[in-house]
Protein backbone atom coordinates (compact mmCIF):
# COMPACT_ATOMS: atom_id res chain seq x y z
CA UNK A 1 39.34 -14.08 15.83
CA UNK A 2 36.70 -11.27 14.94
CA UNK A 3 33.11 -12.42 15.06
CA UNK A 4 31.19 -10.68 13.07
CA UNK A 5 26.83 -10.93 12.28
CA UNK A 6 24.96 -10.39 9.56
CA UNK A 7 21.30 -8.98 9.42
CA UNK A 8 19.40 -9.31 6.76
CA UNK A 9 18.02 -6.02 5.48
CA UNK A 10 14.85 -5.03 5.39
CA UNK A 11 12.74 -2.60 2.33
CA UNK A 12 12.44 0.74 3.22
CA UNK A 13 8.23 1.12 4.33
CA UNK A 14 6.34 2.51 1.42
CA UNK A 15 3.83 5.29 2.20
CA UNK A 16 0.75 3.36 -0.02
CA UNK A 17 -1.46 6.48 0.01
CA UNK A 18 1.50 8.60 -2.09
CA UNK A 19 2.42 5.17 -4.61
CA UNK A 20 -1.20 5.11 -5.50
CA UNK A 21 -1.28 9.00 -5.89
CA UNK A 22 1.23 8.73 -7.76
CA UNK A 23 0.99 5.17 -10.45
CA UNK A 24 -2.86 6.08 -10.41
CA UNK A 25 -3.82 9.85 -9.59
CA UNK A 26 -6.57 11.17 -6.38
CA UNK A 27 -6.80 8.98 -4.22
CA UNK A 28 -10.77 8.07 -4.44
CA UNK A 29 -13.02 10.05 -1.85
CA UNK A 30 -14.54 6.65 0.38
CA UNK A 31 -11.31 5.83 1.29
CA UNK A 32 -11.42 8.13 3.91
CA UNK A 33 -14.97 6.77 5.16
CA UNK A 34 -13.33 2.46 5.69
CA UNK A 35 -10.37 1.75 8.39
CA UNK A 36 -6.94 2.59 7.82
CA UNK A 37 -5.60 -1.05 8.21
CA UNK A 38 -8.19 -1.74 5.13
CA UNK A 39 -7.43 1.32 3.22
CA UNK A 40 -3.69 0.24 3.59
CA UNK A 41 -4.61 -3.68 2.54
CA UNK A 42 -6.88 -2.25 -1.07
CA UNK A 43 -3.74 0.20 -1.69
CA UNK A 44 -1.97 -2.55 -1.68
CA UNK A 45 -3.75 -4.73 -3.75
CA UNK A 46 -3.89 -1.81 -6.57
CA UNK A 47 -0.52 -1.43 -6.91
CA UNK A 48 -0.39 -5.01 -6.78
CA UNK A 49 -2.87 -5.29 -9.52
CA UNK A 50 -1.96 -2.61 -11.84
CA UNK A 51 -5.78 -0.99 -11.69
CA UNK A 52 -6.78 2.25 -9.49
CA UNK A 53 -9.55 1.08 -6.80
CA UNK A 54 -13.35 0.77 -6.89
CA UNK A 55 -16.28 0.91 -4.73
CA UNK A 56 -17.16 -3.15 -5.24
CA UNK A 57 -13.20 -3.32 -4.65
CA UNK A 58 -14.05 -2.80 -0.79
CA UNK A 59 -17.74 -4.22 -0.94
CA UNK A 60 -16.15 -8.10 -2.37
């Protein structure tokens, strides 16, 4: 008797900074001034909606 275990395959980690640059060009300069967790959240949000970041995204 052979037992097998199926494990879910995790997607490869995505480099949000590189993905943003590939899609929209250079990262906004103000992105360096905010906490890293907030920056990753905003980059993920921008990639999902398909629009580049603006300073108002962080202030809202």
